[in-house]
Amino acid sequence: TFDIAAEYYKKTLHLSRQLKDQTVEAQTCYSLGNTYT
């Protein structure tokens, strides 16, 4: 259910930026890239 996964990853990305956690931000961008593929 990739569309749902993408929405959850976007929320993860938003919170990682709020928490200023660049490592998690990078990992989440990677996961979003794979999900959109």
Full PDB file with SEQRES, HELIX, SHEET, SSBOND, CRYST1, ORIGX, SCALE, CONECT and MASTER records, all heavy atoms in Angstrom:
SEQRES   1 A   37  THR PHE ASP ILE ALA ALA GLU TYR TYR LYS LYS THR LEU          
SEQRES   2 A   37  HIS LEU SER ARG GLN LEU LYS ASP GLN THR VAL GLU ALA          
SEQRES   3 A   37  GLN THR CYS TYR SER LEU GLY ASN THR TYR THR                  
HELIX    1 AA1 PHE A    2  GLN A   18  1                                  17    
HELIX    2 AA2 GLN A   22  TYR A   36  1                                  15    
CRYST1    1.000    1.000    1.000  90.00  90.00  90.00 P 1           1          
ORIGX1      1.000000  0.000000  0.000000        0.00000                         
ORIGX2      0.000000  1.000000  0.000000        0.00000                         
ORIGX3      0.000000  0.000000  1.000000        0.00000                         
SCALE1      1.000000  0.000000  0.000000        0.00000                         
SCALE2      0.000000  1.000000  0.000000        0.00000                         
SCALE3      0.000000  0.000000  1.000000        0.00000                         
ATOM      1  N   THR A   1       0.885  -1.170   0.000  1.00  0.00           N  
ATOM      2  CA  THR A   1       0.000   0.000   0.000  1.00  0.00           C  
ATOM      3  C   THR A   1       0.921   1.218   0.000  1.00  0.00           C  
ATOM      4  O   THR A   1       1.079   1.904   1.009  1.00  0.00           O  
ATOM      5  CB  THR A   1      -0.959  -0.027   1.213  1.00  0.00           C  
ATOM      6  OG1 THR A   1      -0.223  -0.338   2.393  1.00  0.00           O  
ATOM      7  CG2 THR A   1      -2.059  -1.054   1.021  1.00  0.00           C  
ATOM      8  N   PHE A   2       1.544   1.415  -1.147  1.00  0.00           N  
ATOM      9  CA  PHE A   2       2.613   2.400  -1.297  1.00  0.00           C  
ATOM     10  C   PHE A   2       2.136   3.831  -1.099  1.00  0.00           C  
ATOM     11  O   PHE A   2       2.873   4.665  -0.582  1.00  0.00           O  
ATOM     12  CB  PHE A   2       3.298   2.243  -2.653  1.00  0.00           C  
ATOM     13  CG  PHE A   2       3.814   0.855  -2.913  1.00  0.00           C  
ATOM     14  CD1 PHE A   2       3.467   0.175  -4.072  1.00  0.00           C  
ATOM     15  CD2 PHE A   2       4.637   0.209  -1.991  1.00  0.00           C  
ATOM     16  CE1 PHE A   2       3.942  -1.107  -4.318  1.00  0.00           C  
ATOM     17  CE2 PHE A   2       5.111  -1.073  -2.227  1.00  0.00           C  
ATOM     18  CZ  PHE A   2       4.761  -1.732  -3.398  1.00  0.00           C  
ATOM     19  N   ASP A   3       0.904   4.128  -1.532  1.00  0.00           N  
ATOM     20  CA  ASP A   3       0.387   5.483  -1.365  1.00  0.00           C  
ATOM     21  C   ASP A   3       0.247   5.830   0.120  1.00  0.00           C  
ATOM     22  O   ASP A   3       0.570   6.941   0.542  1.00  0.00           O  
ATOM     23  CB  ASP A   3      -0.945   5.652  -2.103  1.00  0.00           C  
ATOM     24  CG  ASP A   3      -1.977   4.583  -1.750  1.00  0.00           C  
ATOM     25  OD1 ASP A   3      -1.599   3.480  -1.296  1.00  0.00           O  
ATOM     26  OD2 ASP A   3      -3.182   4.852  -1.927  1.00  0.00           O  
ATOM     27  N   ILE A   4      -0.196   4.882   0.927  1.00  0.00           N  
ATOM     28  CA  ILE A   4      -0.312   5.108   2.376  1.00  0.00           C  
ATOM     29  C   ILE A   4       1.084   5.234   2.984  1.00  0.00           C  
ATOM     30  O   ILE A   4       1.330   6.105   3.819  1.00  0.00           O  
ATOM     31  CB  ILE A   4      -1.119   3.980   3.049  1.00  0.00           C  
ATOM     32  CG1 ILE A   4      -2.554   3.963   2.502  1.00  0.00           C  
ATOM     33  CG2 ILE A   4      -1.125   4.144   4.569  1.00  0.00           C  
ATOM     34  CD1 ILE A   4      -3.366   2.747   2.919  1.00  0.00           C  
ATOM     35  N   ALA A   5       2.002   4.384   2.542  1.00  0.00           N  
ATOM     36  CA  ALA A   5       3.389   4.460   3.027  1.00  0.00           C  
ATOM     37  C   ALA A   5       3.969   5.840   2.747  1.00  0.00           C  
ATOM     38  O   ALA A   5       4.605   6.439   3.629  1.00  0.00           O  
ATOM     39  CB  ALA A   5       4.248   3.381   2.364  1.00  0.00           C  
ATOM     40  N   ALA A   6       3.736   6.365   1.545  1.00  0.00           N  
ATOM     41  CA  ALA A   6       4.270   7.686   1.179  1.00  0.00           C  
ATOM     42  C   ALA A   6       3.736   8.764   2.127  1.00  0.00           C  
ATOM     43  O   ALA A   6       4.501   9.638   2.561  1.00  0.00           O  
ATOM     44  CB  ALA A   6       3.919   8.032  -0.264  1.00  0.00           C  
ATOM     45  N   GLU A   7       2.453   8.698   2.464  1.00  0.00           N  
ATOM     46  CA  GLU A   7       1.877   9.696   3.374  1.00  0.00           C  
ATOM     47  C   GLU A   7       2.527   9.615   4.752  1.00  0.00           C  
ATOM     48  O   GLU A   7       2.829  10.645   5.364  1.00  0.00           O  
ATOM     49  CB  GLU A   7       0.357   9.529   3.465  1.00  0.00           C  
ATOM     50  CG  GLU A   7      -0.367   9.902   2.177  1.00  0.00           C  
ATOM     51  CD  GLU A   7       0.024  11.274   1.639  1.00  0.00           C  
ATOM     52  OE1 GLU A   7      -0.008  12.256   2.410  1.00  0.00           O  
ATOM     53  OE2 GLU A   7       0.372  11.363   0.431  1.00  0.00           O  
ATOM     54  N   TYR A   8       2.746   8.403   5.250  1.00  0.00           N  
ATOM     55  CA  TYR A   8       3.403   8.252   6.547  1.00  0.00           C  
ATOM     56  C   TYR A   8       4.863   8.712   6.491  1.00  0.00           C  
ATOM     57  O   TYR A   8       5.351   9.335   7.422  1.00  0.00           O  
ATOM     58  CB  TYR A   8       3.315   6.815   7.057  1.00  0.00           C  
ATOM     59  CG  TYR A   8       1.961   6.456   7.632  1.00  0.00           C  
ATOM     60  CD1 TYR A   8       1.288   5.319   7.210  1.00  0.00           C  
ATOM     61  CD2 TYR A   8       1.355   7.248   8.612  1.00  0.00           C  
ATOM     62  CE1 TYR A   8       0.058   4.977   7.742  1.00  0.00           C  
ATOM     63  CE2 TYR A   8       0.120   6.920   9.145  1.00  0.00           C  
ATOM     64  CZ  TYR A   8      -0.519   5.782   8.710  1.00  0.00           C  
ATOM     65  OH  TYR A   8      -1.739   5.444   9.247  1.00  0.00           O  
ATOM     66  N   TYR A   9       5.547   8.415   5.384  1.00  0.00           N  
ATOM     67  CA  TYR A   9       6.935   8.885   5.255  1.00  0.00           C  
ATOM     68  C   TYR A   9       6.982  10.418   5.213  1.00  0.00           C  
ATOM     69  O   TYR A   9       7.897  11.029   5.760  1.00  0.00           O  
ATOM     70  CB  TYR A   9       7.606   8.316   4.006  1.00  0.00           C  
ATOM     71  CG  TYR A   9       8.097   6.891   4.145  1.00  0.00           C  
ATOM     72  CD1 TYR A   9       7.846   5.952   3.151  1.00  0.00           C  
ATOM     73  CD2 TYR A   9       8.833   6.477   5.262  1.00  0.00           C  
ATOM     74  CE1 TYR A   9       8.299   4.650   3.247  1.00  0.00           C  
ATOM     75  CE2 TYR A   9       9.285   5.172   5.367  1.00  0.00           C  
ATOM     76  CZ  TYR A   9       9.020   4.258   4.355  1.00  0.00           C  
ATOM     77  OH  TYR A   9       9.477   2.968   4.466  1.00  0.00           O  
ATOM     78  N   LYS A  10       6.000  11.050   4.582  1.00  0.00           N  
ATOM     79  CA  LYS A  10       5.964  12.516   4.543  1.00  0.00           C  
ATOM     80  C   LYS A  10       5.801  13.087   5.951  1.00  0.00           C  
ATOM     81  O   LYS A  10       6.423  14.100   6.292  1.00  0.00           O  
ATOM     82  CB  LYS A  10       4.829  13.016   3.644  1.00  0.00           C  
ATOM     83  CG  LYS A  10       5.108  12.853   2.166  1.00  0.00           C  
ATOM     84  CD  LYS A  10       3.901  13.325   1.363  1.00  0.00           C  
ATOM     85  CE  LYS A  10       4.005  12.926  -0.082  1.00  0.00           C  
ATOM     86  NZ  LYS A  10       2.757  13.255  -0.815  1.00  0.00           N  
ATOM     87  N   LYS A  11       4.984  12.444   6.766  1.00  0.00           N  
ATOM     88  CA  LYS A  11       4.820  12.880   8.156  1.00  0.00           C  
ATOM     89  C   LYS A  11       6.114  12.660   8.934  1.00  0.00           C  
ATOM     90  O   LYS A  11       6.492  13.484   9.772  1.00  0.00           O  
ATOM     91  CB  LYS A  11       3.642  12.153   8.802  1.00  0.00           C  
ATOM     92  CG  LYS A  11       2.322  12.599   8.211  1.00  0.00           C  
ATOM     93  CD  LYS A  11       1.136  11.842   8.790  1.00  0.00           C  
ATOM     94  CE  LYS A  11      -0.138  12.352   8.118  1.00  0.00           C  
ATOM     95  NZ  LYS A  11      -1.344  11.887   8.757  1.00  0.00           N  
ATOM     96  N   THR A  12       6.785  11.562   8.639  1.00  0.00           N  
ATOM     97  CA  THR A  12       8.094  11.288   9.253  1.00  0.00           C  
ATOM     98  C   THR A  12       9.086  12.382   8.876  1.00  0.00           C  
ATOM     99  O   THR A  12       9.817  12.896   9.731  1.00  0.00           O  
ATOM    100  CB  THR A  12       8.638   9.921   8.777  1.00  0.00           C  
ATOM    101  OG1 THR A  12       7.689   8.900   9.076  1.00  0.00           O  
ATOM    102  CG2 THR A  12       9.970   9.594   9.424  1.00  0.00           C  
ATOM    103  N   LEU A  13       9.086  12.751   7.602  1.00  0.00           N  
ATOM    104  CA  LEU A  13       9.991  13.788   7.102  1.00  0.00           C  
ATOM    105  C   LEU A  13       9.717  15.126   7.793  1.00  0.00           C  
ATOM    106  O   LEU A  13      10.652  15.797   8.254  1.00  0.00           O  
ATOM    107  CB  LEU A  13       9.842  13.925   5.586  1.00  0.00           C  
ATOM    108  CG  LEU A  13      10.758  14.910   4.885  1.00  0.00           C  
ATOM    109  CD1 LEU A  13      12.221  14.542   5.103  1.00  0.00           C  
ATOM    110  CD2 LEU A  13      10.429  14.964   3.395  1.00  0.00           C  
ATOM    111  N   HIS A  14       8.458  15.483   7.893  1.00  0.00           N  
ATOM    112  CA  HIS A  14       8.076  16.735   8.546  1.00  0.00           C  
ATOM    113  C   HIS A  14       8.595  16.764   9.993  1.00  0.00           C  
ATOM    114  O   HIS A  14       9.190  17.760  10.429  1.00  0.00           O  
ATOM    115  CB  HIS A  14       6.558  16.908   8.507  1.00  0.00           C  
ATOM    116  CG  HIS A  14       6.072  18.102   9.262  1.00  0.00           C  
ATOM    117  ND1 HIS A  14       6.240  19.397   8.796  1.00  0.00           N  
ATOM    118  CD2 HIS A  14       5.457  18.220  10.461  1.00  0.00           C  
ATOM    119  CE1 HIS A  14       5.738  20.237   9.683  1.00  0.00           C  
ATOM    120  NE2 HIS A  14       5.259  19.549  10.701  1.00  0.00           N  
ATOM    121  N   LEU A  15       8.385  15.672  10.718  1.00  0.00           N  
ATOM    122  CA  LEU A  15       8.821  15.629  12.119  1.00  0.00           C  
ATOM    123  C   LEU A  15      10.347  15.581  12.243  1.00  0.00           C  
ATOM    124  O   LEU A  15      10.906  16.179  13.163  1.00  0.00           O  
ATOM    125  CB  LEU A  15       8.184  14.437  12.845  1.00  0.00           C  
ATOM    126  CG  LEU A  15       6.712  14.649  13.191  1.00  0.00           C  
ATOM    127  CD1 LEU A  15       6.074  13.333  13.632  1.00  0.00           C  
ATOM    128  CD2 LEU A  15       6.562  15.698  14.277  1.00  0.00           C  
ATOM    129  N   SER A  16      11.016  14.895  11.325  1.00  0.00           N  
ATOM    130  CA  SER A  16      12.481  14.855  11.395  1.00  0.00           C  
ATOM    131  C   SER A  16      13.061  16.252  11.189  1.00  0.00           C  
ATOM    132  O   SER A  16      14.053  16.612  11.820  1.00  0.00           O  
ATOM    133  CB  SER A  16      13.067  13.855  10.389  1.00  0.00           C  
ATOM    134  OG  SER A  16      12.864  14.282   9.069  1.00  0.00           O  
ATOM    135  N   ARG A  17      12.410  17.040  10.347  1.00  0.00           N  
ATOM    136  CA  ARG A  17      12.853  18.425  10.145  1.00  0.00           C  
ATOM    137  C   ARG A  17      12.558  19.269  11.383  1.00  0.00           C  
ATOM    138  O   ARG A  17      13.387  20.073  11.792  1.00  0.00           O  
ATOM    139  CB  ARG A  17      12.183  19.024   8.909  1.00  0.00           C  
ATOM    140  CG  ARG A  17      12.740  18.446   7.626  1.00  0.00           C  
ATOM    141  CD  ARG A  17      12.006  18.922   6.398  1.00  0.00           C  
ATOM    142  NE  ARG A  17      12.654  18.430   5.181  1.00  0.00           N  
ATOM    143  CZ  ARG A  17      12.035  18.336   4.022  1.00  0.00           C  
ATOM    144  NH1 ARG A  17      10.765  18.709   3.889  1.00  0.00           N  
ATOM    145  NH2 ARG A  17      12.690  17.874   2.968  1.00  0.00           N  
ATOM    146  N   GLN A  18      11.378  19.067  11.972  1.00  0.00           N  
ATOM    147  CA  GLN A  18      11.020  19.771  13.207  1.00  0.00           C  
ATOM    148  C   GLN A  18      12.025  19.457  14.313  1.00  0.00           C  
ATOM    149  O   GLN A  18      12.396  20.338  15.089  1.00  0.00           O  
ATOM    150  CB  GLN A  18       9.631  19.306  13.678  1.00  0.00           C  
ATOM    151  CG  GLN A  18       8.577  20.334  13.613  1.00  0.00           C  
ATOM    152  CD  GLN A  18       7.276  19.830  14.249  1.00  0.00           C  
ATOM    153  OE1 GLN A  18       7.094  18.648  14.525  1.00  0.00           O  
ATOM    154  NE2 GLN A  18       6.372  20.741  14.461  1.00  0.00           N  
ATOM    155  N   LEU A  19      12.447  18.181  14.373  1.00  0.00           N  
ATOM    156  CA  LEU A  19      13.381  17.739  15.411  1.00  0.00           C  
ATOM    157  C   LEU A  19      14.838  18.013  15.034  1.00  0.00           C  
ATOM    158  O   LEU A  19      15.744  17.711  15.801  1.00  0.00           O  
ATOM    159  CB  LEU A  19      13.185  16.237  15.680  1.00  0.00           C  
ATOM    160  CG  LEU A  19      11.824  15.847  16.273  1.00  0.00           C  
ATOM    161  CD1 LEU A  19      11.609  14.342  16.167  1.00  0.00           C  
ATOM    162  CD2 LEU A  19      11.727  16.321  17.713  1.00  0.00           C  
ATOM    163  N   LYS A  20      15.033  18.574  13.826  1.00  0.00           N  
ATOM    164  CA  LYS A  20      16.376  18.894  13.317  1.00  0.00           C  
ATOM    165  C   LYS A  20      17.296  17.663  13.315  1.00  0.00           C  
ATOM    166  O   LYS A  20      18.467  17.736  13.665  1.00  0.00           O  
ATOM    167  CB  LYS A  20      17.005  20.042  14.107  1.00  0.00           C  
ATOM    168  CG  LYS A  20      16.204  21.336  14.019  1.00  0.00           C  
ATOM    169  CD  LYS A  20      16.885  22.460  14.745  1.00  0.00           C  
ATOM    170  CE  LYS A  20      16.117  23.748  14.825  1.00  0.00           C  
ATOM    171  NZ  LYS A  20      15.031  24.031  13.955  1.00  0.00           N  
ATOM    172  N   ASP A  21      16.732  16.527  12.887  1.00  0.00           N  
ATOM    173  CA  ASP A  21      17.476  15.268  12.802  1.00  0.00           C  
ATOM    174  C   ASP A  21      17.766  14.986  11.336  1.00  0.00           C  
ATOM    175  O   ASP A  21      16.975  14.361  10.631  1.00  0.00           O  
ATOM    176  CB  ASP A  21      16.662  14.135  13.437  1.00  0.00           C  
ATOM    177  CG  ASP A  21      17.440  12.833  13.543  1.00  0.00           C  
ATOM    178  OD1 ASP A  21      18.410  12.637  12.779  1.00  0.00           O  
ATOM    179  OD2 ASP A  21      17.058  12.013  14.403  1.00  0.00           O  
ATOM    180  N   GLN A  22      18.922  15.468  10.875  1.00  0.00           N  
ATOM    181  CA  GLN A  22      19.259  15.356   9.456  1.00  0.00           C  
ATOM    182  C   GLN A  22      19.493  13.919   9.019  1.00  0.00           C  
ATOM    183  O   GLN A  22      19.219  13.583   7.868  1.00  0.00           O  
ATOM    184  CB  GLN A  22      20.497  16.196   9.133  1.00  0.00           C  
ATOM    185  CG  GLN A  22      20.193  17.665   8.996  1.00  0.00           C  
ATOM    186  CD  GLN A  22      21.378  18.390   8.395  1.00  0.00           C  
ATOM    187  OE1 GLN A  22      22.456  18.403   8.981  1.00  0.00           O  
ATOM    188  NE2 GLN A  22      21.182  18.981   7.232  1.00  0.00           N  
ATOM    189  N   THR A  23      19.979  13.075   9.905  1.00  0.00           N  
ATOM    190  CA  THR A  23      20.208  11.680   9.535  1.00  0.00           C  
ATOM    191  C   THR A  23      18.878  11.008   9.200  1.00  0.00           C  
ATOM    192  O   THR A  23      18.756  10.342   8.168  1.00  0.00           O  
ATOM    193  CB  THR A  23      20.925  10.925  10.672  1.00  0.00           C  
ATOM    194  OG1 THR A  23      22.165  11.592  10.933  1.00  0.00           O  
ATOM    195  CG2 THR A  23      21.200   9.483  10.306  1.00  0.00           C  
ATOM    196  N   VAL A  24      17.885  11.205  10.057  1.00  0.00           N  
ATOM    197  CA  VAL A  24      16.567  10.623   9.798  1.00  0.00           C  
ATOM    198  C   VAL A  24      15.927  11.298   8.587  1.00  0.00           C  
ATOM    199  O   VAL A  24      15.260  10.640   7.779  1.00  0.00           O  
ATOM    200  CB  VAL A  24      15.656  10.709  11.041  1.00  0.00           C  
ATOM    201  CG1 VAL A  24      14.234  10.267  10.721  1.00  0.00           C  
ATOM    202  CG2 VAL A  24      16.226   9.863  12.172  1.00  0.00           C  
ATOM    203  N   GLU A  25      16.138  12.587   8.439  1.00  0.00           N  
ATOM    204  CA  GLU A  25      15.620  13.298   7.267  1.00  0.00           C  
ATOM    205  C   GLU A  25      16.167  12.674   5.989  1.00  0.00           C  
ATOM    206  O   GLU A  25      15.415  12.414   5.037  1.00  0.00           O  
ATOM    207  CB  GLU A  25      15.991  14.786   7.344  1.00  0.00           C  
ATOM    208  CG  GLU A  25      15.445  15.605   6.199  1.00  0.00           C  
ATOM    209  CD  GLU A  25      15.837  17.080   6.264  1.00  0.00           C  
ATOM    210  OE1 GLU A  25      16.432  17.522   7.275  1.00  0.00           O  
ATOM    211  OE2 GLU A  25      15.550  17.793   5.284  1.00  0.00           O  
ATOM    212  N   ALA A  26      17.473  12.404   5.969  1.00  0.00           N  
ATOM    213  CA  ALA A  26      18.091  11.786   4.789  1.00  0.00           C  
ATOM    214  C   ALA A  26      17.521  10.387   4.543  1.00  0.00           C  
ATOM    215  O   ALA A  26      17.167  10.049   3.408  1.00  0.00           O  
ATOM    216  CB  ALA A  26      19.606  11.715   4.971  1.00  0.00           C  
ATOM    217  N   GLN A  27      17.415   9.595   5.607  1.00  0.00           N  
ATOM    218  CA  GLN A  27      16.873   8.236   5.465  1.00  0.00           C  
ATOM    219  C   GLN A  27      15.436   8.278   4.938  1.00  0.00           C  
ATOM    220  O   GLN A  27      15.054   7.448   4.114  1.00  0.00           O  
ATOM    221  CB  GLN A  27      16.900   7.510   6.809  1.00  0.00           C  
ATOM    222  CG  GLN A  27      18.293   7.169   7.289  1.00  0.00           C  
ATOM    223  CD  GLN A  27      18.317   6.754   8.764  1.00  0.00           C  
ATOM    224  OE1 GLN A  27      17.376   6.984   9.513  1.00  0.00           O  
ATOM    225  NE2 GLN A  27      19.426   6.152   9.175  1.00  0.00           N  
ATOM    226  N   THR A  28      14.672   9.239   5.411  1.00  0.00           N  
ATOM    227  CA  THR A  28      13.276   9.341   4.989  1.00  0.00           C  
ATOM    228  C   THR A  28      13.174   9.789   3.533  1.00  0.00           C  
ATOM    229  O   THR A  28      12.325   9.284   2.791  1.00  0.00           O  
ATOM    230  CB  THR A  28      12.496  10.282   5.920  1.00  0.00           C  
ATOM    231  OG1 THR A  28      12.674   9.842   7.272  1.00  0.00           O  
ATOM    232  CG2 THR A  28      11.019  10.296   5.587  1.00  0.00           C  
ATOM    233  N   CYS A  29      14.041  10.689   3.107  1.00  0.00           N  
ATOM    234  CA  CYS A  29      14.060  11.083   1.692  1.00  0.00           C  
ATOM    235  C   CYS A  29      14.399   9.886   0.814  1.00  0.00           C  
ATOM    236  O   CYS A  29      13.783   9.681  -0.244  1.00  0.00           O  
ATOM    237  CB  CYS A  29      15.055  12.220   1.458  1.00  0.00           C  
ATOM    238  SG  CYS A  29      14.478  13.811   2.089  1.00  0.00           S  
ATOM    239  N   TYR A  30      15.337   9.072   1.266  1.00  0.00           N  
ATOM    240  CA  TYR A  30      15.699   7.838   0.563  1.00  0.00           C  
ATOM    241  C   TYR A  30      14.469   6.926   0.449  1.00  0.00           C  
ATOM    242  O   TYR A  30      14.151   6.425  -0.637  1.00  0.00           O  
ATOM    243  CB  TYR A  30      16.838   7.140   1.316  1.00  0.00           C  
ATOM    244  CG  TYR A  30      17.180   5.768   0.820  1.00  0.00           C  
ATOM    245  CD1 TYR A  30      18.048   5.590  -0.249  1.00  0.00           C  
ATOM    246  CD2 TYR A  30      16.652   4.633   1.430  1.00  0.00           C  
ATOM    247  CE1 TYR A  30      18.372   4.320  -0.713  1.00  0.00           C  
ATOM    248  CE2 TYR A  30      16.963   3.364   0.984  1.00  0.00           C  
ATOM    249  CZ  TYR A  30      17.823   3.216  -0.091  1.00  0.00           C  
ATOM    250  OH  TYR A  30      18.133   1.951  -0.539  1.00  0.00           O  
ATOM    251  N   SER A  31      13.766   6.734   1.577  1.00  0.00           N  
ATOM    252  CA  SER A  31      12.581   5.873   1.583  1.00  0.00           C  
ATOM    253  C   SER A  31      11.480   6.430   0.684  1.00  0.00           C  
ATOM    254  O   SER A  31      10.801   5.681  -0.029  1.00  0.00           O  
ATOM    255  CB  SER A  31      12.051   5.707   3.007  1.00  0.00           C  
ATOM    256  OG  SER A  31      12.992   5.022   3.806  1.00  0.00           O  
ATOM    257  N   LEU A  32      11.297   7.754   0.717  1.00  0.00           N  
ATOM    258  CA  LEU A  32      10.301   8.374  -0.162  1.00  0.00           C  
ATOM    259  C   LEU A  32      10.689   8.210  -1.634  1.00  0.00           C  
ATOM    260  O   LEU A  32       9.822   7.946  -2.477  1.00  0.00           O  
ATOM    261  CB  LEU A  32      10.116   9.849   0.188  1.00  0.00           C  
ATOM    262  CG  LEU A  32       9.136  10.122   1.314  1.00  0.00           C  
ATOM    263  CD1 LEU A  32       9.339  11.516   1.890  1.00  0.00           C  
ATOM    264  CD2 LEU A  32       7.700   9.926   0.843  1.00  0.00           C  
ATOM    265  N   GLY A  33      11.968   8.333  -1.939  1.00  0.00           N  
ATOM    266  CA  GLY A  33      12.419   8.110  -3.319  1.00  0.00           C  
ATOM    267  C   GLY A  33      12.090   6.703  -3.788  1.00  0.00           C  
ATOM    268  O   GLY A  33      11.564   6.501  -4.889  1.00  0.00           O  
ATOM    269  N   ASN A  34      12.358   5.735  -2.933  1.00  0.00           N  
ATOM    270  CA  ASN A  34      12.052   4.341  -3.284  1.00  0.00           C  
ATOM    271  C   ASN A  34      10.550   4.115  -3.397  1.00  0.00           C  
ATOM    272  O   ASN A  34      10.081   3.401  -4.289  1.00  0.00           O  
ATOM    273  CB  ASN A  34      12.654   3.379  -2.253  1.00  0.00           C  
ATOM    274  CG  ASN A  34      14.161   3.309  -2.356  1.00  0.00           C  
ATOM    275  OD1 ASN A  34      14.736   3.624  -3.391  1.00  0.00           O  
ATOM    276  ND2 ASN A  34      14.806   2.921  -1.284  1.00  0.00           N  
ATOM    277  N   THR A  35       9.795   4.722  -2.491  1.00  0.00           N  
ATOM    278  CA  THR A  35       8.339   4.548  -2.502  1.00  0.00           C  
ATOM    279  C   THR A  35       7.744   5.140  -3.777  1.00  0.00           C  
ATOM    280  O   THR A  35       6.884   4.518  -4.420  1.00  0.00           O  
ATOM    281  CB  THR A  35       7.711   5.190  -1.248  1.00  0.00           C  
ATOM    282  OG1 THR A  35       8.305   4.599  -0.090  1.00  0.00           O  
ATOM    283  CG2 THR A  35       6.208   4.971  -1.214  1.00  0.00           C  
ATOM    284  N   TYR A  36       8.209   6.330  -4.158  1.00  0.00           N  
ATOM    285  CA  TYR A  36       7.685   6.935  -5.388  1.00  0.00           C  
ATOM    286  C   TYR A  36       8.123   6.166  -6.629  1.00  0.00           C  
ATOM    287  O   TYR A  36       7.401   6.143  -7.634  1.00  0.00           O  
ATOM    288  CB  TYR A  36       8.032   8.423  -5.474  1.00  0.00           C  
ATOM    289  CG  TYR A  36       7.058   9.240  -4.656  1.00  0.00           C  
ATOM    290  CD1 TYR A  36       7.454   9.879  -3.492  1.00  0.00           C  
ATOM    291  CD2 TYR A  36       5.718   9.330  -5.029  1.00  0.00           C  
ATOM    292  CE1 TYR A  36       6.555  10.599  -2.721  1.00  0.00           C  
ATOM    293  CE2 TYR A  36       4.809  10.041  -4.273  1.00  0.00           C  
ATOM    294  CZ  TYR A  36       5.233  10.673  -3.116  1.00  0.00           C  
ATOM    295  OH  TYR A  36       4.317  11.366  -2.357  1.00  0.00           O  
ATOM    296  N   THR A  37       9.263   5.482  -6.563  1.00  0.00           N  
ATOM    297  CA  THR A  37       9.654   4.600  -7.667  1.00  0.00           C  
ATOM    298  C   THR A  37       8.639   3.461  -7.779  1.00  0.00           C  
ATOM    299  O   THR A  37       8.185   3.123  -8.876  1.00  0.00           O  
ATOM    300  CB  THR A  37      11.073   4.042  -7.452  1.00  0.00           C  
ATOM    301  OG1 THR A  37      11.994   5.135  -7.409  1.00  0.00           O  
ATOM    302  CG2 THR A  37      11.463   3.081  -8.563  1.00  0.00           C  
TER     303      THR A  37                                                      
MASTER        0    0    0    2    0    0    0    6  302    1    0    3          
END                                                                             
